[in-house]
N, C-alpha and C. Protein backbone atom coordinates (compact mmCIF):
# COMPACT_ATOMS: atom_id res chain seq x y z
N MET A 1 0.91 -1.04 0.11
CA MET A 1 0.03 0.00 -0.04
C MET A 1 0.74 1.25 -0.01
N THR A 2 0.74 2.08 -1.05
CA THR A 2 1.64 3.04 -1.10
C THR A 2 1.06 4.37 -0.20
N VAL A 3 2.06 5.25 0.57
CA VAL A 3 1.50 6.13 1.08
C VAL A 3 1.84 7.44 0.30
N TYR A 4 1.04 8.55 0.40
CA TYR A 4 1.38 9.74 -0.27
C TYR A 4 1.45 10.98 0.72
N GLN A 5 2.46 11.90 0.78
CA GLN A 5 2.47 13.13 1.51
C GLN A 5 1.90 14.13 0.49
N VAL A 6 1.06 14.85 1.13
CA VAL A 6 0.67 16.03 0.52
C VAL A 6 1.62 17.25 0.72
N CYS A 7 2.48 17.50 -0.27
CA CYS A 7 3.52 18.19 -0.11
C CYS A 7 3.04 19.78 -0.48
N ALA A 8 2.06 19.80 -1.27
CA ALA A 8 1.51 21.34 -1.49
C ALA A 8 0.20 21.24 -1.89
N ARG A 9 -0.50 22.32 -1.48
CA ARG A 9 -2.09 22.28 -1.78
C ARG A 9 -2.56 23.67 -2.34
N TYR A 10 -3.27 23.83 -3.18
CA TYR A 10 -3.96 25.07 -3.42
C TYR A 10 -5.61 24.83 -3.46
N VAL A 11 -6.23 25.31 -2.62
CA VAL A 11 -7.52 25.27 -2.47
C VAL A 11 -8.21 26.55 -2.55
N ALA A 12 -9.10 26.65 -3.75
CA ALA A 12 -9.68 28.13 -3.89
C ALA A 12 -11.33 27.65 -4.24
N GLN A 13 -12.14 27.99 -3.24
CA GLN A 13 -13.60 27.45 -3.32
C GLN A 13 -14.46 28.53 -2.79
N PRO A 14 -14.64 29.73 -3.41
CA PRO A 14 -14.22 30.25 -4.67
C PRO A 14 -12.99 30.88 -4.87
N VAL A 15 -12.65 31.17 -6.10
CA VAL A 15 -11.02 31.60 -6.24
C VAL A 15 -11.20 33.07 -5.81
N ALA A 16 -10.20 33.75 -5.68
CA ALA A 16 -10.03 35.25 -5.52
C ALA A 16 -10.45 36.09 -6.46
N ALA A 17 -10.88 37.02 -6.13
CA ALA A 17 -11.55 38.05 -7.27
C ALA A 17 -10.51 38.53 -8.25
N ASP A 18 -9.06 38.48 -7.90
CA ASP A 18 -8.10 38.96 -8.70
C ASP A 18 -7.43 37.69 -9.36
N TRP A 19 -8.14 36.74 -9.30
CA TRP A 19 -7.31 35.46 -9.75
C TRP A 19 -6.72 35.57 -11.15
N ARG A 20 -7.39 36.41 -11.93
CA ARG A 20 -6.70 36.45 -13.47
C ARG A 20 -5.70 37.33 -13.66
N GLU A 21 -5.46 38.32 -12.62
CA GLU A 21 -4.48 39.19 -12.52
C GLU A 21 -3.12 38.31 -12.07
N ARG A 22 -3.37 37.47 -11.03
CA ARG A 22 -2.50 36.59 -10.42
C ARG A 22 -1.77 35.70 -11.68
N LEU A 23 -2.70 35.17 -12.27
CA LEU A 23 -2.38 34.08 -13.48
C LEU A 23 -1.35 34.81 -14.26
N ALA A 24 -1.78 36.34 -14.83
CA ALA A 24 -1.03 36.95 -15.70
C ALA A 24 0.42 37.10 -14.85
N SER A 25 0.61 37.42 -13.57
CA SER A 25 1.73 37.54 -13.19
C SER A 25 2.56 36.28 -13.36
N HIS A 26 2.01 35.24 -13.02
CA HIS A 26 2.61 33.74 -13.17
C HIS A 26 3.22 33.69 -14.40
N LEU A 27 2.57 34.01 -15.42
CA LEU A 27 2.83 33.89 -16.91
C LEU A 27 3.78 34.78 -17.62
N GLY A 28 3.73 36.04 -17.09
CA GLY A 28 4.34 37.28 -17.49
C GLY A 28 3.41 38.11 -18.45
N SER A 29 2.24 37.51 -18.78
CA SER A 29 1.42 38.37 -19.56
C SER A 29 0.05 37.63 -19.59
N ARG A 30 -1.05 38.12 -20.02
CA ARG A 30 -2.43 37.54 -20.05
C ARG A 30 -2.31 36.21 -21.02
N PRO A 31 -2.70 35.13 -20.47
CA PRO A 31 -2.93 34.16 -21.68
C PRO A 31 -3.64 34.32 -22.85
N ARG A 32 -3.53 33.73 -24.09
CA ARG A 32 -4.39 34.09 -25.09
C ARG A 32 -4.90 32.76 -25.74
N ARG A 33 -6.00 32.90 -26.18
CA ARG A 33 -6.90 31.79 -26.52
C ARG A 33 -7.50 30.88 -25.78
N LEU A 34 -7.32 30.83 -24.47
CA LEU A 34 -7.65 29.87 -23.53
C LEU A 34 -8.98 30.44 -23.09
N GLY A 35 -10.00 29.42 -22.92
CA GLY A 35 -11.14 29.71 -22.05
C GLY A 35 -11.10 30.02 -20.73
N ARG A 36 -12.07 30.47 -20.37
CA ARG A 36 -12.05 30.78 -18.79
C ARG A 36 -11.76 29.62 -17.77
N TRP A 37 -12.25 28.59 -18.11
CA TRP A 37 -12.27 27.36 -17.38
C TRP A 37 -10.77 26.76 -17.34
N ALA A 38 -10.03 26.81 -18.71
CA ALA A 38 -8.90 26.52 -18.72
C ALA A 38 -7.84 27.33 -18.02
N GLU A 39 -8.04 28.66 -18.05
CA GLU A 39 -7.27 29.62 -17.15
C GLU A 39 -7.44 29.31 -15.70
N LEU A 40 -8.81 28.99 -15.25
CA LEU A 40 -8.88 28.69 -14.00
C LEU A 40 -8.11 27.63 -13.29
N GLY A 41 -8.15 26.51 -14.24
CA GLY A 41 -7.25 25.22 -14.01
C GLY A 41 -5.71 25.59 -13.84
N LEU A 42 -5.13 26.36 -14.91
CA LEU A 42 -3.76 26.76 -15.18
C LEU A 42 -3.39 27.66 -13.80
N TYR A 43 -4.41 28.55 -13.41
CA TYR A 43 -3.96 29.44 -12.25
C TYR A 43 -3.67 28.46 -10.99
N GLY A 44 -4.93 27.56 -10.73
CA GLY A 44 -4.66 26.58 -9.65
C GLY A 44 -3.37 25.87 -9.59
N ALA A 45 -3.19 25.05 -10.80
CA ALA A 45 -2.07 24.24 -10.75
C ALA A 45 -0.75 25.08 -10.63
N LEU A 46 -0.45 26.27 -11.00
CA LEU A 46 0.66 27.05 -10.99
C LEU A 46 0.74 27.57 -9.44
N GLU A 47 -0.21 27.87 -9.07
CA GLU A 47 -0.14 28.22 -7.48
C GLU A 47 0.07 27.05 -6.72
N CYS A 48 -0.23 25.87 -7.02
CA CYS A 48 -0.04 24.68 -6.08
C CYS A 48 1.50 24.51 -6.30
N LEU A 49 2.10 24.30 -7.52
CA LEU A 49 3.38 24.22 -7.76
C LEU A 49 4.32 25.11 -7.35
N ALA A 50 3.86 26.34 -7.30
CA ALA A 50 4.78 27.29 -6.63
C ALA A 50 4.93 27.28 -4.97
N ALA A 51 3.62 26.74 -4.39
CA ALA A 51 3.78 26.33 -3.15
C ALA A 51 4.68 25.53 -2.72
N ASP A 52 5.03 24.54 -3.87
CA ASP A 52 6.02 23.31 -3.39
C ASP A 52 7.42 23.73 -3.87
N GLY A 53 7.45 25.12 -4.55
CA GLY A 53 8.81 25.56 -4.91
C GLY A 53 9.23 24.81 -6.32
N GLU A 54 8.19 24.37 -6.89
CA GLU A 54 8.54 23.68 -8.28
C GLU A 54 8.24 24.69 -9.42
N SER A 55 9.05 24.68 -10.32
CA SER A 55 8.72 25.57 -11.50
C SER A 55 8.26 24.70 -12.73
N THR A 56 8.49 23.42 -12.32
CA THR A 56 7.79 22.28 -13.42
C THR A 56 7.56 21.26 -12.69
N LEU A 57 7.14 20.09 -13.46
CA LEU A 57 6.65 18.89 -12.78
C LEU A 57 7.78 18.04 -13.10
N ALA A 58 8.13 16.96 -12.21
CA ALA A 58 9.18 15.92 -12.26
C ALA A 58 8.85 15.26 -13.35
N GLU A 59 10.15 14.84 -14.20
CA GLU A 59 9.96 13.91 -15.24
C GLU A 59 8.72 12.76 -15.26
N HIS A 60 9.01 12.10 -14.16
CA HIS A 60 7.95 10.90 -13.91
C HIS A 60 6.95 11.19 -12.84
N ALA A 61 6.58 12.33 -12.74
CA ALA A 61 5.35 12.76 -12.15
C ALA A 61 4.10 12.46 -13.16
N ALA A 62 2.98 12.12 -12.60
CA ALA A 62 1.54 12.24 -13.44
C ALA A 62 0.95 13.24 -13.13
N LEU A 63 0.06 13.86 -14.23
CA LEU A 63 -0.79 14.81 -14.06
C LEU A 63 -2.44 14.47 -14.25
N VAL A 64 -3.30 14.66 -13.41
CA VAL A 64 -4.53 14.08 -13.41
C VAL A 64 -5.36 15.41 -13.10
N LEU A 65 -6.19 15.72 -14.14
CA LEU A 65 -7.35 16.71 -13.83
C LEU A 65 -8.54 16.21 -14.04
N SER A 66 -9.43 16.65 -13.09
CA SER A 66 -10.73 16.31 -13.30
C SER A 66 -11.94 17.40 -12.96
N SER A 67 -13.10 17.38 -13.26
CA SER A 67 -14.10 18.17 -13.13
C SER A 67 -15.32 17.49 -13.27
N GLN A 68 -16.41 18.14 -12.74
CA GLN A 68 -17.78 17.47 -12.81
C GLN A 68 -18.48 17.95 -14.19
N HIS A 69 -18.20 19.33 -14.65
CA HIS A 69 -18.82 19.46 -15.83
C HIS A 69 -17.77 20.18 -17.04
N GLY A 70 -16.34 20.15 -16.67
CA GLY A 70 -15.73 20.61 -17.70
C GLY A 70 -15.78 22.00 -18.17
N PRO A 71 -15.45 22.45 -19.33
CA PRO A 71 -15.56 23.74 -19.83
C PRO A 71 -16.92 24.10 -20.23
N ALA A 72 -18.11 24.12 -19.34
CA ALA A 72 -19.33 23.99 -19.85
C ALA A 72 -19.68 25.16 -20.35
N LEU A 73 -19.13 26.43 -19.95
CA LEU A 73 -19.89 27.88 -20.47
C LEU A 73 -19.12 27.71 -21.82
N ALA A 74 -17.98 27.36 -22.17
CA ALA A 74 -17.48 27.32 -23.51
C ALA A 74 -18.49 26.18 -24.49
N MET A 75 -18.93 25.12 -23.96
CA MET A 75 -19.67 24.35 -24.56
C MET A 75 -21.20 25.12 -24.89
N ARG A 76 -21.65 25.81 -23.87
CA ARG A 76 -22.94 26.42 -24.17
C ARG A 76 -22.60 27.47 -25.18
N SER A 77 -21.59 28.31 -25.30
CA SER A 77 -21.58 28.99 -26.36
C SER A 77 -21.34 28.52 -27.66
N ALA A 78 -20.72 27.27 -27.81
CA ALA A 78 -20.52 26.59 -29.06
C ALA A 78 -22.06 26.02 -29.52
N LEU A 79 -22.87 25.67 -28.56
CA LEU A 79 -24.18 25.09 -28.92
C LEU A 79 -25.00 26.21 -29.45
N ALA A 80 -24.73 27.48 -28.84
CA ALA A 80 -25.54 28.80 -29.14
C ALA A 80 -24.99 28.99 -30.80
N GLN A 81 -23.58 28.99 -30.95
CA GLN A 81 -23.31 29.23 -32.26
C GLN A 81 -23.71 28.31 -33.40
N VAL A 82 -23.99 26.94 -33.01
CA VAL A 82 -24.61 26.09 -33.92
C VAL A 82 -25.77 26.39 -34.32
N HIS A 83 -26.55 27.20 -33.86
CA HIS A 83 -27.81 27.47 -34.21
C HIS A 83 -27.96 28.38 -35.44
N GLU A 84 -26.57 28.99 -35.59
CA GLU A 84 -26.28 29.98 -36.49
C GLU A 84 -25.62 29.33 -37.64
N ASP A 85 -24.60 28.76 -37.51
CA ASP A 85 -23.69 28.08 -38.35
C ASP A 85 -22.68 27.15 -37.39
N LEU A 86 -21.47 26.63 -38.36
CA LEU A 86 -20.80 25.92 -37.50
C LEU A 86 -20.28 26.88 -36.13
N PRO A 87 -19.81 26.04 -35.04
CA PRO A 87 -18.94 26.95 -34.06
C PRO A 87 -17.79 27.69 -34.58
N LEU A 88 -17.28 28.82 -33.93
CA LEU A 88 -16.26 29.59 -34.19
C LEU A 88 -14.86 28.55 -33.94
N PRO A 89 -14.01 28.50 -34.72
CA PRO A 89 -12.82 27.79 -34.25
C PRO A 89 -12.40 27.94 -32.96
N LEU A 90 -12.21 29.15 -32.54
CA LEU A 90 -11.61 29.27 -31.11
C LEU A 90 -12.66 28.99 -30.13
N THR A 91 -13.87 29.13 -30.22
CA THR A 91 -15.02 28.39 -29.29
C THR A 91 -14.97 26.87 -29.33
N PHE A 92 -14.86 26.38 -30.52
CA PHE A 92 -14.60 25.03 -30.45
C PHE A 92 -13.51 24.34 -29.46
N LEU A 93 -12.33 25.04 -29.75
CA LEU A 93 -10.92 24.73 -29.04
C LEU A 93 -11.33 24.79 -27.61
N GLN A 94 -12.05 25.98 -27.26
CA GLN A 94 -12.22 26.03 -25.66
C GLN A 94 -12.98 25.01 -25.12
N THR A 95 -13.77 24.32 -25.80
CA THR A 95 -14.53 23.28 -25.23
C THR A 95 -13.95 22.07 -24.94
N GLN A 96 -12.68 21.98 -25.44
CA GLN A 96 -11.76 20.66 -25.36
C GLN A 96 -10.97 20.88 -23.82
N PRO A 97 -11.28 19.88 -22.94
CA PRO A 97 -10.70 19.94 -21.64
C PRO A 97 -9.15 19.75 -21.85
N SER A 98 -8.81 19.19 -22.89
CA SER A 98 -7.34 18.72 -23.03
C SER A 98 -6.50 19.92 -23.30
N GLN A 99 -7.35 21.05 -23.51
CA GLN A 99 -6.58 22.35 -23.73
C GLN A 99 -5.68 22.81 -22.63
N LEU A 100 -6.34 22.52 -21.40
CA LEU A 100 -5.80 22.85 -20.27
C LEU A 100 -4.35 22.04 -20.06
N LEU A 101 -4.53 20.73 -20.28
CA LEU A 101 -3.34 19.84 -20.04
C LEU A 101 -2.27 20.26 -21.01
N ALA A 102 -2.63 20.69 -22.18
CA ALA A 102 -1.59 20.85 -23.29
C ALA A 102 -0.97 22.29 -22.79
N THR A 103 -1.59 23.14 -22.36
CA THR A 103 -1.18 24.63 -22.06
C THR A 103 -0.44 24.44 -20.74
N LEU A 104 -0.83 23.95 -19.92
CA LEU A 104 -0.04 23.54 -18.69
C LEU A 104 1.38 22.99 -18.69
N SER A 105 1.40 21.83 -19.70
CA SER A 105 2.49 21.11 -20.03
C SER A 105 3.47 22.05 -20.89
N ALA A 106 2.97 22.84 -21.81
CA ALA A 106 3.79 23.65 -22.59
C ALA A 106 4.35 24.77 -21.86
N TYR A 107 3.62 25.18 -20.76
CA TYR A 107 4.23 26.39 -19.95
C TYR A 107 5.52 25.70 -19.04
N LEU A 108 5.15 24.51 -18.30
CA LEU A 108 6.15 24.13 -17.75
C LEU A 108 7.22 23.34 -18.21
N GLY A 109 7.30 23.30 -19.79
CA GLY A 109 8.17 22.37 -20.46
C GLY A 109 8.34 21.06 -20.08
N TRP A 110 7.01 20.49 -19.81
CA TRP A 110 7.32 19.11 -19.27
C TRP A 110 6.49 18.11 -20.27
N SER A 111 6.71 16.91 -20.41
CA SER A 111 6.34 16.10 -21.27
C SER A 111 5.99 14.57 -20.59
N GLY A 112 4.79 14.33 -20.08
CA GLY A 112 4.64 12.99 -19.36
C GLY A 112 3.26 12.64 -19.46
N ASP A 113 2.75 11.88 -18.28
CA ASP A 113 1.46 11.16 -18.45
C ASP A 113 0.42 12.11 -17.63
N ALA A 114 -0.55 12.73 -18.69
CA ALA A 114 -1.37 13.65 -18.37
C ALA A 114 -2.74 13.15 -18.81
N ARG A 115 -3.73 13.21 -17.81
CA ARG A 115 -4.91 12.50 -17.99
C ARG A 115 -6.21 13.57 -17.63
N PHE A 116 -7.26 13.55 -18.02
CA PHE A 116 -8.57 14.21 -17.82
C PHE A 116 -9.63 13.07 -17.41
N ILE A 117 -10.36 13.43 -16.40
CA ILE A 117 -11.35 12.40 -15.89
C ILE A 117 -12.70 13.29 -15.51
N THR A 118 -13.70 12.95 -15.99
CA THR A 118 -14.97 13.48 -15.73
C THR A 118 -15.57 12.53 -14.56
N HIS A 119 -15.85 12.95 -13.41
CA HIS A 119 -16.47 12.12 -12.54
C HIS A 119 -17.08 13.11 -11.42
N PRO A 120 -18.29 12.48 -10.84
CA PRO A 120 -18.92 13.49 -9.82
C PRO A 120 -18.34 13.02 -8.53
N ASP A 121 -17.54 11.97 -8.28
CA ASP A 121 -17.05 11.69 -6.96
C ASP A 121 -15.46 12.06 -6.86
N PRO A 122 -15.22 13.11 -6.05
CA PRO A 122 -13.74 13.48 -6.00
C PRO A 122 -13.04 12.46 -5.24
N PHE A 123 -13.38 11.69 -4.52
CA PHE A 123 -12.70 10.47 -3.79
C PHE A 123 -12.33 9.36 -4.88
N ALA A 124 -13.26 9.18 -5.96
CA ALA A 124 -13.03 8.19 -6.77
C ALA A 124 -11.87 8.65 -7.80
N VAL A 125 -11.68 9.90 -8.11
CA VAL A 125 -10.86 10.57 -8.85
C VAL A 125 -9.61 10.47 -7.95
N LEU A 126 -9.36 10.73 -6.91
CA LEU A 126 -8.19 10.64 -5.93
C LEU A 126 -7.67 9.38 -5.78
N ALA A 127 -8.60 8.25 -5.61
CA ALA A 127 -8.18 7.02 -5.73
C ALA A 127 -7.43 6.70 -7.02
N LEU A 128 -8.16 6.83 -8.27
CA LEU A 128 -7.82 6.54 -9.43
C LEU A 128 -6.36 7.26 -9.74
N ALA A 129 -6.45 8.44 -9.18
CA ALA A 129 -5.07 9.27 -9.53
C ALA A 129 -3.82 8.48 -8.85
N THR A 130 -3.98 8.11 -7.59
CA THR A 130 -2.93 7.55 -6.80
C THR A 130 -2.72 6.22 -7.33
N ALA A 131 -3.65 5.50 -7.87
CA ALA A 131 -3.24 4.34 -8.47
C ALA A 131 -2.59 4.51 -10.00
N LEU A 132 -2.47 5.57 -10.62
CA LEU A 132 -1.97 5.91 -11.88
C LEU A 132 -0.58 6.61 -11.48
N SER A 133 -0.32 6.93 -10.42
CA SER A 133 0.81 7.58 -9.95
C SER A 133 1.94 7.07 -10.31
N HIS A 134 3.30 7.87 -10.57
CA HIS A 134 4.51 7.31 -11.04
C HIS A 134 5.65 7.51 -10.01
N ALA A 135 6.87 7.39 -10.25
CA ALA A 135 7.82 7.62 -9.21
C ALA A 135 8.18 8.80 -8.56
N ASP A 136 7.53 10.13 -9.27
CA ASP A 136 7.86 11.24 -8.99
C ASP A 136 6.45 11.92 -8.39
N GLY A 137 5.34 10.97 -7.88
CA GLY A 137 4.15 11.25 -7.43
C GLY A 137 3.13 12.04 -8.57
N LEU A 138 2.32 12.73 -7.94
CA LEU A 138 1.26 13.32 -9.08
C LEU A 138 1.04 14.65 -8.62
N LEU A 139 0.63 15.44 -9.35
CA LEU A 139 -0.25 16.51 -9.50
C LEU A 139 -1.66 16.37 -9.90
N VAL A 140 -2.74 16.65 -8.93
CA VAL A 140 -4.01 16.25 -9.18
C VAL A 140 -4.93 17.52 -8.98
N GLY A 141 -5.91 17.69 -9.85
CA GLY A 141 -6.82 18.89 -9.70
C GLY A 141 -8.13 18.66 -9.88
N TRP A 142 -8.97 19.52 -9.36
CA TRP A 142 -10.32 19.52 -9.62
C TRP A 142 -10.97 20.89 -10.04
N VAL A 143 -11.29 21.04 -11.23
CA VAL A 143 -11.74 22.52 -11.63
C VAL A 143 -13.18 22.69 -12.18
N ASP A 144 -13.92 23.51 -11.66
CA ASP A 144 -15.19 23.62 -12.35
C ASP A 144 -15.45 25.30 -12.01
N GLU A 145 -16.40 25.64 -13.28
CA GLU A 145 -16.73 27.12 -13.27
C GLU A 145 -18.56 27.27 -12.82
N ILE A 146 -19.32 26.07 -12.83
CA ILE A 146 -20.64 26.24 -12.76
C ILE A 146 -20.93 26.42 -11.16
N ASP A 147 -21.82 27.44 -10.93
CA ASP A 147 -22.27 28.00 -9.67
C ASP A 147 -21.26 28.66 -9.07
N VAL A 148 -20.13 27.98 -8.62
CA VAL A 148 -18.93 28.73 -7.99
C VAL A 148 -17.41 28.39 -8.67
N GLU A 149 -16.88 29.23 -8.97
CA GLU A 149 -15.55 28.96 -9.58
C GLU A 149 -14.79 28.43 -8.52
N SER A 150 -14.04 27.21 -8.92
CA SER A 150 -13.06 26.64 -7.90
C SER A 150 -11.95 26.02 -8.71
N SER A 151 -10.89 26.05 -8.02
CA SER A 151 -9.83 25.41 -8.56
C SER A 151 -8.96 24.86 -7.26
N VAL A 152 -8.78 23.59 -7.43
CA VAL A 152 -8.31 22.70 -5.92
C VAL A 152 -7.41 21.50 -6.67
N TRP A 153 -6.21 21.90 -6.00
CA TRP A 153 -4.80 21.04 -6.58
C TRP A 153 -4.18 20.44 -5.30
N LEU A 154 -3.70 19.37 -5.37
CA LEU A 154 -2.65 18.70 -4.45
C LEU A 154 -1.67 18.13 -5.15
N ARG A 155 -0.46 18.34 -4.59
CA ARG A 155 0.84 17.74 -5.02
C ARG A 155 1.18 16.52 -4.18
N LEU A 156 1.25 15.45 -4.81
CA LEU A 156 1.55 14.40 -3.74
C LEU A 156 2.93 13.34 -4.11
N ARG A 157 3.55 13.10 -3.15
CA ARG A 157 4.62 12.24 -3.54
C ARG A 157 4.81 10.97 -2.45
N ALA A 158 5.02 9.92 -2.93
CA ALA A 158 5.17 8.65 -2.26
C ALA A 158 6.43 8.88 -0.98
N VAL A 159 5.81 8.34 0.01
CA VAL A 159 6.81 8.39 1.26
C VAL A 159 6.55 7.18 2.06
N ALA A 160 7.47 6.90 2.98
CA ALA A 160 7.23 5.81 3.90
C ALA A 160 6.17 6.13 4.87
N ASP A 161 5.32 5.24 5.40
CA ASP A 161 4.26 5.44 6.17
C ASP A 161 4.74 6.07 7.55
N PRO A 162 4.34 7.23 7.84
CA PRO A 162 4.74 8.01 9.18
C PRO A 162 4.12 7.39 10.32
N GLY A 163 3.21 6.46 10.25
CA GLY A 163 2.44 6.07 11.47
C GLY A 163 1.37 7.11 11.86
N GLY A 164 0.92 7.11 12.85
CA GLY A 164 -0.10 8.16 13.29
C GLY A 164 -1.54 7.74 13.10
N ASP A 165 -2.42 8.78 13.28
CA ASP A 165 -3.60 8.18 13.25
C ASP A 165 -4.37 8.46 11.98
N TRP A 166 -4.56 7.27 11.16
CA TRP A 166 -5.14 7.12 9.91
C TRP A 166 -6.67 6.92 10.27
N CYS A 167 -7.47 7.88 9.34
CA CYS A 167 -8.86 7.69 9.47
C CYS A 167 -9.43 7.72 8.11
N ARG A 168 -10.98 7.33 7.88
CA ARG A 168 -11.46 7.29 6.71
C ARG A 168 -11.59 8.83 6.16
N ALA A 169 -11.35 8.88 4.82
CA ALA A 169 -11.68 10.28 4.37
C ALA A 169 -13.04 10.54 4.04
N GLY A 170 -13.53 11.00 5.25
CA GLY A 170 -15.28 11.20 4.76
C GLY A 170 -15.66 12.29 4.25
N ASP A 171 -14.85 13.63 4.23
CA ASP A 171 -15.17 14.79 3.90
C ASP A 171 -14.05 15.41 3.12
N PHE A 172 -14.47 15.60 1.73
CA PHE A 172 -13.53 15.93 0.69
C PHE A 172 -12.81 17.43 1.12
N ALA A 173 -13.74 18.34 1.28
CA ALA A 173 -13.13 19.59 1.75
C ALA A 173 -12.04 19.56 2.77
N MET A 174 -12.49 18.66 4.07
CA MET A 174 -11.37 18.40 5.00
C MET A 174 -10.22 17.91 4.57
N LEU A 175 -10.32 17.01 3.58
CA LEU A 175 -9.10 16.29 2.92
C LEU A 175 -8.15 17.12 2.22
N VAL A 176 -8.73 18.12 1.52
CA VAL A 176 -7.92 18.83 0.63
C VAL A 176 -7.32 19.96 1.41
N GLN A 177 -7.97 20.24 2.43
CA GLN A 177 -7.59 21.34 3.21
C GLN A 177 -6.52 21.04 4.29
N CYS A 178 -6.81 19.66 4.97
CA CYS A 178 -6.07 19.62 6.31
C CYS A 178 -5.28 18.10 6.20
N ALA A 179 -5.50 17.14 5.15
CA ALA A 179 -4.64 15.87 5.17
C ALA A 179 -3.24 16.28 5.08
N SER A 180 -2.43 15.65 5.69
CA SER A 180 -0.94 15.59 5.70
C SER A 180 -0.50 14.39 4.83
N HIS A 181 -1.16 13.29 4.88
CA HIS A 181 -0.92 11.99 4.00
C HIS A 181 -2.20 11.31 3.76
N VAL A 182 -2.19 10.59 2.51
CA VAL A 182 -3.06 9.86 1.83
C VAL A 182 -2.70 8.68 1.37
N ARG A 183 -3.55 7.60 1.69
CA ARG A 183 -3.23 6.23 1.36
C ARG A 183 -4.48 5.53 0.60
N LEU A 184 -4.20 4.69 -0.16
CA LEU A 184 -5.47 3.96 -0.77
C LEU A 184 -5.34 2.52 -0.09
N GLY A 185 -6.32 2.01 0.57
CA GLY A 185 -6.34 0.54 0.91
C GLY A 185 -7.13 -0.29 -0.26
N SER A 186 -7.48 -1.35 0.11
CA SER A 186 -8.29 -2.17 -0.77
C SER A 186 -9.63 -1.63 -1.13
N SER A 187 -10.41 -0.90 -0.19
CA SER A 187 -11.59 -0.43 -0.35
C SER A 187 -11.81 1.05 -0.19
N GLU A 188 -10.91 1.80 0.44
CA GLU A 188 -11.23 3.16 0.44
C GLU A 188 -10.01 4.01 0.94
N LEU A 189 -10.18 5.20 0.92
CA LEU A 189 -9.14 6.27 1.05
C LEU A 189 -9.14 6.45 2.45
N THR A 190 -7.74 6.47 3.08
CA THR A 190 -7.65 6.90 4.32
C THR A 190 -6.76 8.00 4.64
N VAL A 191 -6.52 8.66 5.42
CA VAL A 191 -5.75 9.96 5.55
C VAL A 191 -5.39 10.20 6.88
N ILE A 192 -4.04 10.97 7.12
CA ILE A 192 -3.94 11.45 8.40
C ILE A 192 -4.09 13.06 8.47
N ILE A 193 -4.91 13.68 9.47
CA ILE A 193 -5.28 14.93 9.42
C ILE A 193 -4.16 15.68 10.19
N ASP A 194 -3.60 16.86 9.53
CA ASP A 194 -2.73 17.70 10.20
C ASP A 194 -3.54 18.40 11.19
N PRO A 195 -3.35 18.29 12.77
CA PRO A 195 -4.12 18.78 13.59
C PRO A 195 -3.96 20.37 13.50
N GLN A 196 -2.78 20.87 13.26
CA GLN A 196 -2.80 22.55 12.99
C GLN A 196 -3.34 23.05 11.90
N LEU A 197 -3.57 22.14 10.94
CA LEU A 197 -4.38 22.70 9.71
C LEU A 197 -5.98 22.32 10.05
N GLY A 198 -6.16 21.30 10.91
CA GLY A 198 -7.75 21.18 11.13
C GLY A 198 -8.23 22.08 11.98
N ASN A 199 -7.43 22.68 12.81
CA ASN A 199 -7.96 23.74 13.65
C ASN A 199 -8.00 25.20 12.83
N VAL A 200 -7.22 25.49 11.94
CA VAL A 200 -7.16 26.46 11.07
C VAL A 200 -8.57 26.51 10.34
N ALA A 201 -8.81 25.13 9.78
CA ALA A 201 -9.90 25.10 8.97
C ALA A 201 -11.37 25.24 9.83
N GLN A 202 -11.24 24.69 10.78
CA GLN A 202 -12.57 24.84 11.83
C GLN A 202 -12.82 26.45 12.23
N LYS A 203 -11.43 27.16 12.36
CA LYS A 203 -11.89 28.37 12.74
C LYS A 203 -12.45 29.33 11.46
N LYS A 204 -12.11 28.85 10.28
CA LYS A 204 -12.53 29.32 9.06
C LYS A 204 -14.23 29.35 9.08
């Protein structure tokens, strides 16, 4: 059973009002030709990597991106354009979730195992992501723009079991905000909750 340490996290539910300005600061300029959903994911991923002191992903890391709805607003625009004619090329491009994976990989100068998963259960996504992980761990994110814009990312690396109080991962918000370690057993995810992070979360 592999144990993963949460080396860095970025949890924005919702994102800060100035997130697009912060993204431009990361990139050196505003991104071009990206849809808002892709920008949202790119911003969260870069914030998470920066928190871990990484300017790129390690060669043998995995990248897993998940969303319940994907670039839904771009899809709505494309469907509206279908009533008039074919969707505009840029609009069609922005409906493709892989646009985010390609853009992030290009910005990082990274070429590796990158996947997009649409699934309503974030625990199932995390379980699958850990199963797909490689020697350098993984970067896994959940991005959505419907109802509340959110960009949640974890940077995980395999480590020796630190011992401590493992418990069932029953609440996803608590997991992404407060877990110090994650492991996938035969039937469920278990975590170690960092008490200091847990206290901060409860105060919020």
